Full PDB file with SEQRES, HELIX, SHEET, SSBOND, CRYST1, ORIGX, SCALE, CONECT and MASTER records, all heavy atoms in Angstrom:
SEQRES   1 A   38  TYR ILE VAL THR GLY GLU GLY ASN ILE ASP SER GLN THR          
SEQRES   2 A   38  GLN ASN GLY LYS THR ILE SER GLY ILE LEU LYS ILE ALA          
SEQRES   3 A   38  LYS GLU ARG ASP ILE PRO VAL ILE ALA PHE ALA GLY              
HELIX    1 AA1 THR A   18  ARG A   29  1                                  12    
SHEET    1 AA1 2 ILE A   2  GLU A   6  0                                        
SHEET    2 AA1 2 VAL A  33  ALA A  37  1                                        
CRYST1    1.000    1.000    1.000  90.00  90.00  90.00 P 1           1          
ORIGX1      1.000000  0.000000  0.000000        0.00000                         
ORIGX2      0.000000  1.000000  0.000000        0.00000                         
ORIGX3      0.000000  0.000000  1.000000        0.00000                         
SCALE1      1.000000  0.000000  0.000000        0.00000                         
SCALE2      0.000000  1.000000  0.000000        0.00000                         
SCALE3      0.000000  0.000000  1.000000        0.00000                         
ATOM      1  N   TYR A   1       4.292 -12.228   0.147  1.00  0.00           N  
ATOM      2  CA  TYR A   1       3.685 -11.048  -0.467  1.00  0.00           C  
ATOM      3  C   TYR A   1       2.686 -10.465   0.514  1.00  0.00           C  
ATOM      4  O   TYR A   1       2.130 -11.178   1.342  1.00  0.00           O  
ATOM      5  CB  TYR A   1       2.902 -11.395  -1.746  1.00  0.00           C  
ATOM      6  CG  TYR A   1       3.742 -11.934  -2.862  1.00  0.00           C  
ATOM      7  CD1 TYR A   1       3.940 -13.301  -3.016  1.00  0.00           C  
ATOM      8  CD2 TYR A   1       4.336 -11.073  -3.777  1.00  0.00           C  
ATOM      9  CE1 TYR A   1       4.713 -13.798  -4.043  1.00  0.00           C  
ATOM     10  CE2 TYR A   1       5.111 -11.563  -4.807  1.00  0.00           C  
ATOM     11  CZ  TYR A   1       5.303 -12.925  -4.935  1.00  0.00           C  
ATOM     12  OH  TYR A   1       6.060 -13.410  -5.951  1.00  0.00           O  
ATOM     13  N   ILE A   2       2.433  -9.183   0.365  1.00  0.00           N  
ATOM     14  CA  ILE A   2       1.309  -8.540   1.032  1.00  0.00           C  
ATOM     15  C   ILE A   2       0.392  -8.033  -0.065  1.00  0.00           C  
ATOM     16  O   ILE A   2       0.838  -7.381  -1.008  1.00  0.00           O  
ATOM     17  CB  ILE A   2       1.771  -7.376   1.937  1.00  0.00           C  
ATOM     18  CG1 ILE A   2       2.617  -7.907   3.087  1.00  0.00           C  
ATOM     19  CG2 ILE A   2       0.559  -6.595   2.458  1.00  0.00           C  
ATOM     20  CD1 ILE A   2       3.236  -6.834   3.954  1.00  0.00           C  
ATOM     21  N   VAL A   3      -0.890  -8.358   0.063  1.00  0.00           N  
ATOM     22  CA  VAL A   3      -1.888  -7.939  -0.917  1.00  0.00           C  
ATOM     23  C   VAL A   3      -2.842  -6.991  -0.203  1.00  0.00           C  
ATOM     24  O   VAL A   3      -3.355  -7.302   0.868  1.00  0.00           O  
ATOM     25  CB  VAL A   3      -2.650  -9.147  -1.483  1.00  0.00           C  
ATOM     26  CG1 VAL A   3      -3.711  -8.700  -2.477  1.00  0.00           C  
ATOM     27  CG2 VAL A   3      -1.684 -10.129  -2.129  1.00  0.00           C  
ATOM     28  N   THR A   4      -3.064  -5.838  -0.816  1.00  0.00           N  
ATOM     29  CA  THR A   4      -3.936  -4.837  -0.213  1.00  0.00           C  
ATOM     30  C   THR A   4      -4.744  -4.151  -1.302  1.00  0.00           C  
ATOM     31  O   THR A   4      -4.606  -4.484  -2.478  1.00  0.00           O  
ATOM     32  CB  THR A   4      -3.094  -3.814   0.606  1.00  0.00           C  
ATOM     33  OG1 THR A   4      -3.973  -2.954   1.332  1.00  0.00           O  
ATOM     34  CG2 THR A   4      -2.162  -3.011  -0.280  1.00  0.00           C  
ATOM     35  N   GLY A   5      -5.564  -3.214  -0.912  1.00  0.00           N  
ATOM     36  CA  GLY A   5      -6.361  -2.516  -1.906  1.00  0.00           C  
ATOM     37  C   GLY A   5      -6.938  -1.220  -1.398  1.00  0.00           C  
ATOM     38  O   GLY A   5      -6.945  -0.937  -0.198  1.00  0.00           O  
ATOM     39  N   GLU A   6      -7.402  -0.446  -2.320  1.00  0.00           N  
ATOM     40  CA  GLU A   6      -8.069   0.840  -2.077  1.00  0.00           C  
ATOM     41  C   GLU A   6      -9.100   1.021  -3.180  1.00  0.00           C  
ATOM     42  O   GLU A   6      -9.003   0.396  -4.234  1.00  0.00           O  
ATOM     43  CB  GLU A   6      -7.073   2.006  -2.178  1.00  0.00           C  
ATOM     44  CG  GLU A   6      -6.049   2.086  -1.103  1.00  0.00           C  
ATOM     45  CD  GLU A   6      -6.563   2.706   0.198  1.00  0.00           C  
ATOM     46  OE1 GLU A   6      -7.687   3.256   0.198  1.00  0.00           O  
ATOM     47  OE2 GLU A   6      -5.852   2.613   1.191  1.00  0.00           O  
ATOM     48  N   GLY A   7     -10.021   1.895  -2.953  1.00  0.00           N  
ATOM     49  CA  GLY A   7     -10.947   2.242  -4.024  1.00  0.00           C  
ATOM     50  C   GLY A   7     -10.245   2.986  -5.143  1.00  0.00           C  
ATOM     51  O   GLY A   7     -10.492   2.779  -6.321  1.00  0.00           O  
ATOM     52  N   ASN A   8      -9.301   3.840  -4.745  1.00  0.00           N  
ATOM     53  CA  ASN A   8      -8.592   4.693  -5.696  1.00  0.00           C  
ATOM     54  C   ASN A   8      -7.129   4.799  -5.250  1.00  0.00           C  
ATOM     55  O   ASN A   8      -6.867   5.134  -4.104  1.00  0.00           O  
ATOM     56  CB  ASN A   8      -9.244   6.075  -5.693  1.00  0.00           C  
ATOM     57  CG  ASN A   8      -8.671   7.005  -6.719  1.00  0.00           C  
ATOM     58  OD1 ASN A   8      -8.518   6.639  -7.875  1.00  0.00           O  
ATOM     59  ND2 ASN A   8      -8.351   8.211  -6.314  1.00  0.00           N  
ATOM     60  N   ILE A   9      -6.214   4.495  -6.142  1.00  0.00           N  
ATOM     61  CA  ILE A   9      -4.789   4.665  -5.847  1.00  0.00           C  
ATOM     62  C   ILE A   9      -4.279   5.788  -6.730  1.00  0.00           C  
ATOM     63  O   ILE A   9      -4.320   5.710  -7.958  1.00  0.00           O  
ATOM     64  CB  ILE A   9      -3.987   3.373  -6.101  1.00  0.00           C  
ATOM     65  CG1 ILE A   9      -4.465   2.261  -5.156  1.00  0.00           C  
ATOM     66  CG2 ILE A   9      -2.491   3.618  -5.928  1.00  0.00           C  
ATOM     67  CD1 ILE A   9      -3.814   0.915  -5.402  1.00  0.00           C  
ATOM     68  N   ASP A  10      -3.815   6.865  -6.058  1.00  0.00           N  
ATOM     69  CA  ASP A  10      -3.315   8.026  -6.787  1.00  0.00           C  
ATOM     70  C   ASP A  10      -2.211   8.689  -5.973  1.00  0.00           C  
ATOM     71  O   ASP A  10      -1.735   8.123  -4.986  1.00  0.00           O  
ATOM     72  CB  ASP A  10      -4.453   8.999  -7.092  1.00  0.00           C  
ATOM     73  CG  ASP A  10      -5.160   9.513  -5.852  1.00  0.00           C  
ATOM     74  OD1 ASP A  10      -4.594   9.442  -4.738  1.00  0.00           O  
ATOM     75  OD2 ASP A  10      -6.291  10.008  -5.990  1.00  0.00           O  
ATOM     76  N   SER A  11      -1.818   9.875  -6.370  1.00  0.00           N  
ATOM     77  CA  SER A  11      -0.718  10.564  -5.697  1.00  0.00           C  
ATOM     78  C   SER A  11      -1.030  10.877  -4.231  1.00  0.00           C  
ATOM     79  O   SER A  11      -0.122  11.091  -3.439  1.00  0.00           O  
ATOM     80  CB  SER A  11      -0.354  11.852  -6.440  1.00  0.00           C  
ATOM     81  OG  SER A  11      -1.452  12.741  -6.436  1.00  0.00           O  
ATOM     82  N   GLN A  12      -2.290  10.907  -3.839  1.00  0.00           N  
ATOM     83  CA  GLN A  12      -2.673  11.187  -2.460  1.00  0.00           C  
ATOM     84  C   GLN A  12      -2.667   9.949  -1.562  1.00  0.00           C  
ATOM     85  O   GLN A  12      -2.772  10.064  -0.342  1.00  0.00           O  
ATOM     86  CB  GLN A  12      -4.067  11.823  -2.434  1.00  0.00           C  
ATOM     87  CG  GLN A  12      -4.127  13.155  -3.141  1.00  0.00           C  
ATOM     88  CD  GLN A  12      -3.188  14.169  -2.515  1.00  0.00           C  
ATOM     89  OE1 GLN A  12      -3.196  14.384  -1.309  1.00  0.00           O  
ATOM     90  NE2 GLN A  12      -2.337  14.782  -3.327  1.00  0.00           N  
ATOM     91  N   THR A  13      -2.523   8.780  -2.146  1.00  0.00           N  
ATOM     92  CA  THR A  13      -2.597   7.530  -1.390  1.00  0.00           C  
ATOM     93  C   THR A  13      -1.526   7.453  -0.309  1.00  0.00           C  
ATOM     94  O   THR A  13      -1.747   6.887   0.755  1.00  0.00           O  
ATOM     95  CB  THR A  13      -2.497   6.331  -2.347  1.00  0.00           C  
ATOM     96  OG1 THR A  13      -3.594   6.393  -3.269  1.00  0.00           O  
ATOM     97  CG2 THR A  13      -2.536   5.011  -1.612  1.00  0.00           C  
ATOM     98  N   GLN A  14      -0.391   8.051  -0.559  1.00  0.00           N  
ATOM     99  CA  GLN A  14       0.716   7.983   0.393  1.00  0.00           C  
ATOM    100  C   GLN A  14       0.444   8.820   1.649  1.00  0.00           C  
ATOM    101  O   GLN A  14       1.109   8.663   2.657  1.00  0.00           O  
ATOM    102  CB  GLN A  14       2.010   8.446  -0.268  1.00  0.00           C  
ATOM    103  CG  GLN A  14       3.230   8.110   0.552  1.00  0.00           C  
ATOM    104  CD  GLN A  14       4.502   8.323  -0.227  1.00  0.00           C  
ATOM    105  OE1 GLN A  14       4.486   8.581  -1.419  1.00  0.00           O  
ATOM    106  NE2 GLN A  14       5.616   8.224   0.448  1.00  0.00           N  
ATOM    107  N   ASN A  15      -0.562   9.655   1.609  1.00  0.00           N  
ATOM    108  CA  ASN A  15      -0.836  10.568   2.716  1.00  0.00           C  
ATOM    109  C   ASN A  15      -1.882  10.019   3.680  1.00  0.00           C  
ATOM    110  O   ASN A  15      -2.940  10.598   3.866  1.00  0.00           O  
ATOM    111  CB  ASN A  15      -1.292  11.925   2.170  1.00  0.00           C  
ATOM    112  CG  ASN A  15      -0.254  12.556   1.289  1.00  0.00           C  
ATOM    113  OD1 ASN A  15       0.929  12.403   1.521  1.00  0.00           O  
ATOM    114  ND2 ASN A  15      -0.691  13.251   0.261  1.00  0.00           N  
ATOM    115  N   GLY A  16      -1.593   8.870   4.291  1.00  0.00           N  
ATOM    116  CA  GLY A  16      -2.439   8.384   5.362  1.00  0.00           C  
ATOM    117  C   GLY A  16      -3.435   7.304   5.023  1.00  0.00           C  
ATOM    118  O   GLY A  16      -4.137   6.829   5.896  1.00  0.00           O  
ATOM    119  N   LYS A  17      -3.547   6.896   3.772  1.00  0.00           N  
ATOM    120  CA  LYS A  17      -4.447   5.800   3.448  1.00  0.00           C  
ATOM    121  C   LYS A  17      -3.834   4.481   3.920  1.00  0.00           C  
ATOM    122  O   LYS A  17      -2.661   4.404   4.271  1.00  0.00           O  
ATOM    123  CB  LYS A  17      -4.727   5.747   1.944  1.00  0.00           C  
ATOM    124  CG  LYS A  17      -5.644   6.848   1.440  1.00  0.00           C  
ATOM    125  CD  LYS A  17      -6.014   6.588   0.000  1.00  0.00           C  
ATOM    126  CE  LYS A  17      -6.956   7.621  -0.547  1.00  0.00           C  
ATOM    127  NZ  LYS A  17      -7.290   7.351  -1.956  1.00  0.00           N  
ATOM    128  N   THR A  18      -4.627   3.451   3.888  1.00  0.00           N  
ATOM    129  CA  THR A  18      -4.195   2.138   4.366  1.00  0.00           C  
ATOM    130  C   THR A  18      -2.874   1.708   3.742  1.00  0.00           C  
ATOM    131  O   THR A  18      -1.969   1.236   4.437  1.00  0.00           O  
ATOM    132  CB  THR A  18      -5.278   1.085   4.053  1.00  0.00           C  
ATOM    133  OG1 THR A  18      -6.480   1.467   4.713  1.00  0.00           O  
ATOM    134  CG2 THR A  18      -4.862  -0.289   4.511  1.00  0.00           C  
ATOM    135  N   ILE A  19      -2.743   1.863   2.451  1.00  0.00           N  
ATOM    136  CA  ILE A  19      -1.544   1.400   1.762  1.00  0.00           C  
ATOM    137  C   ILE A  19      -0.288   2.057   2.326  1.00  0.00           C  
ATOM    138  O   ILE A  19       0.755   1.407   2.447  1.00  0.00           O  
ATOM    139  CB  ILE A  19      -1.664   1.631   0.248  1.00  0.00           C  
ATOM    140  CG1 ILE A  19      -2.734   0.702  -0.330  1.00  0.00           C  
ATOM    141  CG2 ILE A  19      -0.330   1.421  -0.457  1.00  0.00           C  
ATOM    142  CD1 ILE A  19      -3.014   0.901  -1.788  1.00  0.00           C  
ATOM    143  N   SER A  20      -0.365   3.312   2.706  1.00  0.00           N  
ATOM    144  CA  SER A  20       0.835   3.998   3.198  1.00  0.00           C  
ATOM    145  C   SER A  20       1.399   3.321   4.440  1.00  0.00           C  
ATOM    146  O   SER A  20       2.616   3.152   4.566  1.00  0.00           O  
ATOM    147  CB  SER A  20       0.544   5.472   3.470  1.00  0.00           C  
ATOM    148  OG  SER A  20      -0.395   5.620   4.520  1.00  0.00           O  
ATOM    149  N   GLY A  21       0.544   2.926   5.362  1.00  0.00           N  
ATOM    150  CA  GLY A  21       1.009   2.239   6.566  1.00  0.00           C  
ATOM    151  C   GLY A  21       1.553   0.856   6.280  1.00  0.00           C  
ATOM    152  O   GLY A  21       2.565   0.434   6.850  1.00  0.00           O  
ATOM    153  N   ILE A  22       0.906   0.150   5.383  1.00  0.00           N  
ATOM    154  CA  ILE A  22       1.356  -1.187   5.008  1.00  0.00           C  
ATOM    155  C   ILE A  22       2.712  -1.124   4.314  1.00  0.00           C  
ATOM    156  O   ILE A  22       3.601  -1.936   4.575  1.00  0.00           O  
ATOM    157  CB  ILE A  22       0.298  -1.868   4.124  1.00  0.00           C  
ATOM    158  CG1 ILE A  22      -0.928  -2.213   4.979  1.00  0.00           C  
ATOM    159  CG2 ILE A  22       0.859  -3.105   3.431  1.00  0.00           C  
ATOM    160  CD1 ILE A  22      -2.111  -2.693   4.198  1.00  0.00           C  
ATOM    161  N   LEU A  23       2.886  -0.137   3.432  1.00  0.00           N  
ATOM    162  CA  LEU A  23       4.150  -0.022   2.699  1.00  0.00           C  
ATOM    163  C   LEU A  23       5.328   0.200   3.623  1.00  0.00           C  
ATOM    164  O   LEU A  23       6.415  -0.347   3.397  1.00  0.00           O  
ATOM    165  CB  LEU A  23       4.076   1.109   1.678  1.00  0.00           C  
ATOM    166  CG  LEU A  23       3.163   0.883   0.481  1.00  0.00           C  
ATOM    167  CD1 LEU A  23       3.177   2.106  -0.427  1.00  0.00           C  
ATOM    168  CD2 LEU A  23       3.547  -0.366  -0.291  1.00  0.00           C  
ATOM    169  N   LYS A  24       5.134   0.977   4.656  1.00  0.00           N  
ATOM    170  CA  LYS A  24       6.230   1.240   5.584  1.00  0.00           C  
ATOM    171  C   LYS A  24       6.718  -0.055   6.232  1.00  0.00           C  
ATOM    172  O   LYS A  24       7.923  -0.330   6.271  1.00  0.00           O  
ATOM    173  CB  LYS A  24       5.774   2.233   6.658  1.00  0.00           C  
ATOM    174  CG  LYS A  24       6.858   2.609   7.629  1.00  0.00           C  
ATOM    175  CD  LYS A  24       6.380   3.643   8.619  1.00  0.00           C  
ATOM    176  CE  LYS A  24       7.512   3.966   9.586  1.00  0.00           C  
ATOM    177  NZ  LYS A  24       7.092   4.877  10.623  1.00  0.00           N  
ATOM    178  N   ILE A  25       5.803  -0.859   6.704  1.00  0.00           N  
ATOM    179  CA  ILE A  25       6.171  -2.129   7.340  1.00  0.00           C  
ATOM    180  C   ILE A  25       6.761  -3.094   6.319  1.00  0.00           C  
ATOM    181  O   ILE A  25       7.776  -3.746   6.570  1.00  0.00           O  
ATOM    182  CB  ILE A  25       4.945  -2.742   8.040  1.00  0.00           C  
ATOM    183  CG1 ILE A  25       4.574  -1.872   9.238  1.00  0.00           C  
ATOM    184  CG2 ILE A  25       5.218  -4.181   8.459  1.00  0.00           C  
ATOM    185  CD1 ILE A  25       3.250  -2.220   9.880  1.00  0.00           C  
ATOM    186  N   ALA A  26       6.148  -3.175   5.148  1.00  0.00           N  
ATOM    187  CA  ALA A  26       6.631  -4.098   4.114  1.00  0.00           C  
ATOM    188  C   ALA A  26       8.035  -3.736   3.652  1.00  0.00           C  
ATOM    189  O   ALA A  26       8.876  -4.619   3.441  1.00  0.00           O  
ATOM    190  CB  ALA A  26       5.667  -4.096   2.932  1.00  0.00           C  
ATOM    191  N   LYS A  27       8.288  -2.451   3.491  1.00  0.00           N  
ATOM    192  CA  LYS A  27       9.606  -2.019   3.022  1.00  0.00           C  
ATOM    193  C   LYS A  27      10.684  -2.362   4.045  1.00  0.00           C  
ATOM    194  O   LYS A  27      11.773  -2.807   3.673  1.00  0.00           O  
ATOM    195  CB  LYS A  27       9.611  -0.524   2.713  1.00  0.00           C  
ATOM    196  CG  LYS A  27      10.864  -0.074   2.003  1.00  0.00           C  
ATOM    197  CD  LYS A  27      10.737   1.334   1.478  1.00  0.00           C  
ATOM    198  CE  LYS A  27      11.959   1.687   0.650  1.00  0.00           C  
ATOM    199  NZ  LYS A  27      11.846   3.006   0.056  1.00  0.00           N  
ATOM    200  N   GLU A  28      10.380  -2.186   5.322  1.00  0.00           N  
ATOM    201  CA  GLU A  28      11.337  -2.532   6.373  1.00  0.00           C  
ATOM    202  C   GLU A  28      11.696  -4.015   6.338  1.00  0.00           C  
ATOM    203  O   GLU A  28      12.791  -4.404   6.713  1.00  0.00           O  
ATOM    204  CB  GLU A  28      10.755  -2.190   7.750  1.00  0.00           C  
ATOM    205  CG  GLU A  28      10.620  -0.714   8.018  1.00  0.00           C  
ATOM    206  CD  GLU A  28       9.818  -0.410   9.276  1.00  0.00           C  
ATOM    207  OE1 GLU A  28       9.289  -1.359   9.923  1.00  0.00           O  
ATOM    208  OE2 GLU A  28       9.701   0.785   9.614  1.00  0.00           O  
ATOM    209  N   ARG A  29      10.766  -4.845   5.889  1.00  0.00           N  
ATOM    210  CA  ARG A  29      10.958  -6.294   5.879  1.00  0.00           C  
ATOM    211  C   ARG A  29      11.223  -6.862   4.481  1.00  0.00           C  
ATOM    212  O   ARG A  29      11.288  -8.052   4.297  1.00  0.00           O  
ATOM    213  CB  ARG A  29       9.736  -6.965   6.499  1.00  0.00           C  
ATOM    214  CG  ARG A  29       9.662  -6.718   7.984  1.00  0.00           C  
ATOM    215  CD  ARG A  29       8.268  -6.907   8.532  1.00  0.00           C  
ATOM    216  NE  ARG A  29       8.238  -6.703   9.974  1.00  0.00           N  
ATOM    217  CZ  ARG A  29       8.309  -5.523  10.573  1.00  0.00           C  
ATOM    218  NH1 ARG A  29       8.427  -4.420   9.851  1.00  0.00           N  
ATOM    219  NH2 ARG A  29       8.272  -5.420  11.888  1.00  0.00           N  
ATOM    220  N   ASP A  30      11.325  -5.980   3.501  1.00  0.00           N  
ATOM    221  CA  ASP A  30      11.590  -6.365   2.115  1.00  0.00           C  
ATOM    222  C   ASP A  30      10.551  -7.362   1.581  1.00  0.00           C  
ATOM    223  O   ASP A  30      10.879  -8.365   0.974  1.00  0.00           O  
ATOM    224  CB  ASP A  30      13.005  -6.935   1.980  1.00  0.00           C  
ATOM    225  CG  ASP A  30      13.500  -6.912   0.542  1.00  0.00           C  
ATOM    226  OD1 ASP A  30      13.079  -6.010  -0.215  1.00  0.00           O  
ATOM    227  OD2 ASP A  30      14.292  -7.803   0.175  1.00  0.00           O  
ATOM    228  N   ILE A  31       9.275  -7.054   1.852  1.00  0.00           N  
ATOM    229  CA  ILE A  31       8.171  -7.893   1.378  1.00  0.00           C  
ATOM    230  C   ILE A  31       7.487  -7.175   0.216  1.00  0.00           C  
ATOM    231  O   ILE A  31       7.073  -6.023   0.353  1.00  0.00           O  
ATOM    232  CB  ILE A  31       7.137  -8.140   2.497  1.00  0.00           C  
ATOM    233  CG1 ILE A  31       7.796  -8.789   3.713  1.00  0.00           C  
ATOM    234  CG2 ILE A  31       5.987  -9.013   1.986  1.00  0.00           C  
ATOM    235  CD1 ILE A  31       6.905  -8.834   4.940  1.00  0.00           C  
ATOM    236  N   PRO A  32       7.352  -7.829  -0.927  1.00  0.00           N  
ATOM    237  CA  PRO A  32       6.658  -7.210  -2.059  1.00  0.00           C  
ATOM    238  C   PRO A  32       5.192  -6.935  -1.730  1.00  0.00           C  
ATOM    239  O   PRO A  32       4.541  -7.736  -1.067  1.00  0.00           O  
ATOM    240  CB  PRO A  32       6.761  -8.252  -3.178  1.00  0.00           C  
ATOM    241  CG  PRO A  32       7.784  -9.232  -2.733  1.00  0.00           C  
ATOM    242  CD  PRO A  32       7.837  -9.176  -1.246  1.00  0.00           C  
ATOM    243  N   VAL A  33       4.697  -5.793  -2.200  1.00  0.00           N  
ATOM    244  CA  VAL A  33       3.306  -5.406  -1.962  1.00  0.00           C  
ATOM    245  C   VAL A  33       2.589  -5.266  -3.298  1.00  0.00           C  
ATOM    246  O   VAL A  33       3.040  -4.538  -4.188  1.00  0.00           O  
ATOM    247  CB  VAL A  33       3.210  -4.075  -1.185  1.00  0.00           C  
ATOM    248  CG1 VAL A  33       1.748  -3.660  -1.016  1.00  0.00           C  
ATOM    249  CG2 VAL A  33       3.904  -4.200   0.160  1.00  0.00           C  
ATOM    250  N   ILE A  34       1.471  -5.961  -3.408  1.00  0.00           N  
ATOM    251  CA  ILE A  34       0.608  -5.897  -4.585  1.00  0.00           C  
ATOM    252  C   ILE A  34      -0.685  -5.219  -4.156  1.00  0.00           C  
ATOM    253  O   ILE A  34      -1.296  -5.626  -3.171  1.00  0.00           O  
ATOM    254  CB  ILE A  34       0.311  -7.301  -5.135  1.00  0.00           C  
ATOM    255  CG1 ILE A  34       1.611  -7.998  -5.544  1.00  0.00           C  
ATOM    256  CG2 ILE A  34      -0.676  -7.229  -6.302  1.00  0.00           C  
ATOM    257  CD1 ILE A  34       1.451  -9.466  -5.813  1.00  0.00           C  
ATOM    258  N   ALA A  35      -1.085  -4.198  -4.894  1.00  0.00           N  
ATOM    259  CA  ALA A  35      -2.301  -3.465  -4.551  1.00  0.00           C  
ATOM    260  C   ALA A  35      -3.305  -3.542  -5.692  1.00  0.00           C  
ATOM    261  O   ALA A  35      -2.938  -3.454  -6.867  1.00  0.00           O  
ATOM    262  CB  ALA A  35      -1.967  -2.009  -4.246  1.00  0.00           C  
ATOM    263  N   PHE A  36      -4.556  -3.692  -5.317  1.00  0.00           N  
ATOM    264  CA  PHE A  36      -5.662  -3.684  -6.261  1.00  0.00           C  
ATOM    265  C   PHE A  36      -6.543  -2.480  -5.941  1.00  0.00           C  
ATOM    266  O   PHE A  36      -6.712  -2.129  -4.772  1.00  0.00           O  
ATOM    267  CB  PHE A  36      -6.498  -4.959  -6.133  1.00  0.00           C  
ATOM    268  CG  PHE A  36      -5.758  -6.207  -6.511  1.00  0.00           C  
ATOM    269  CD1 PHE A  36      -5.156  -6.994  -5.545  1.00  0.00           C  
ATOM    270  CD2 PHE A  36      -5.653  -6.589  -7.839  1.00  0.00           C  
ATOM    271  CE1 PHE A  36      -4.467  -8.146  -5.883  1.00  0.00           C  
ATOM    272  CE2 PHE A  36      -4.969  -7.733  -8.195  1.00  0.00           C  
ATOM    273  CZ  PHE A  36      -4.372  -8.512  -7.215  1.00  0.00           C  
ATOM    274  N   ALA A  37      -7.108  -1.878  -6.979  1.00  0.00           N  
ATOM    275  CA  ALA A  37      -7.987  -0.729  -6.779  1.00  0.00           C  
ATOM    276  C   ALA A  37      -8.994  -0.633  -7.905  1.00  0.00           C  
ATOM    277  O   ALA A  37      -8.759  -1.141  -9.005  1.00  0.00           O  
ATOM    278  CB  ALA A  37      -7.167   0.552  -6.717  1.00  0.00           C  
ATOM    279  N   GLY A  38     -10.062   0.049  -7.626  1.00  0.00           N  
ATOM    280  CA  GLY A  38     -11.028   0.317  -8.679  1.00  0.00           C  
ATOM    281  C   GLY A  38     -10.434   1.222  -9.743  1.00  0.00           C  
ATOM    282  O   GLY A  38     -10.749   1.120 -10.921  1.00  0.00           O  
TER     283      GLY A  38                                                      
MASTER        0    0    0    1    2    0    0    6  282    1    0    3          
END                                                                             
């Protein structure tokens, strides 16, 4: 698993936040991603 987080996860998260970069790598490797946020 990959565990990550942000202060806020919303529709804008895919546009350059940390999670967006992690998701690209995880998806290529078929690794589940769990995210925590405020």
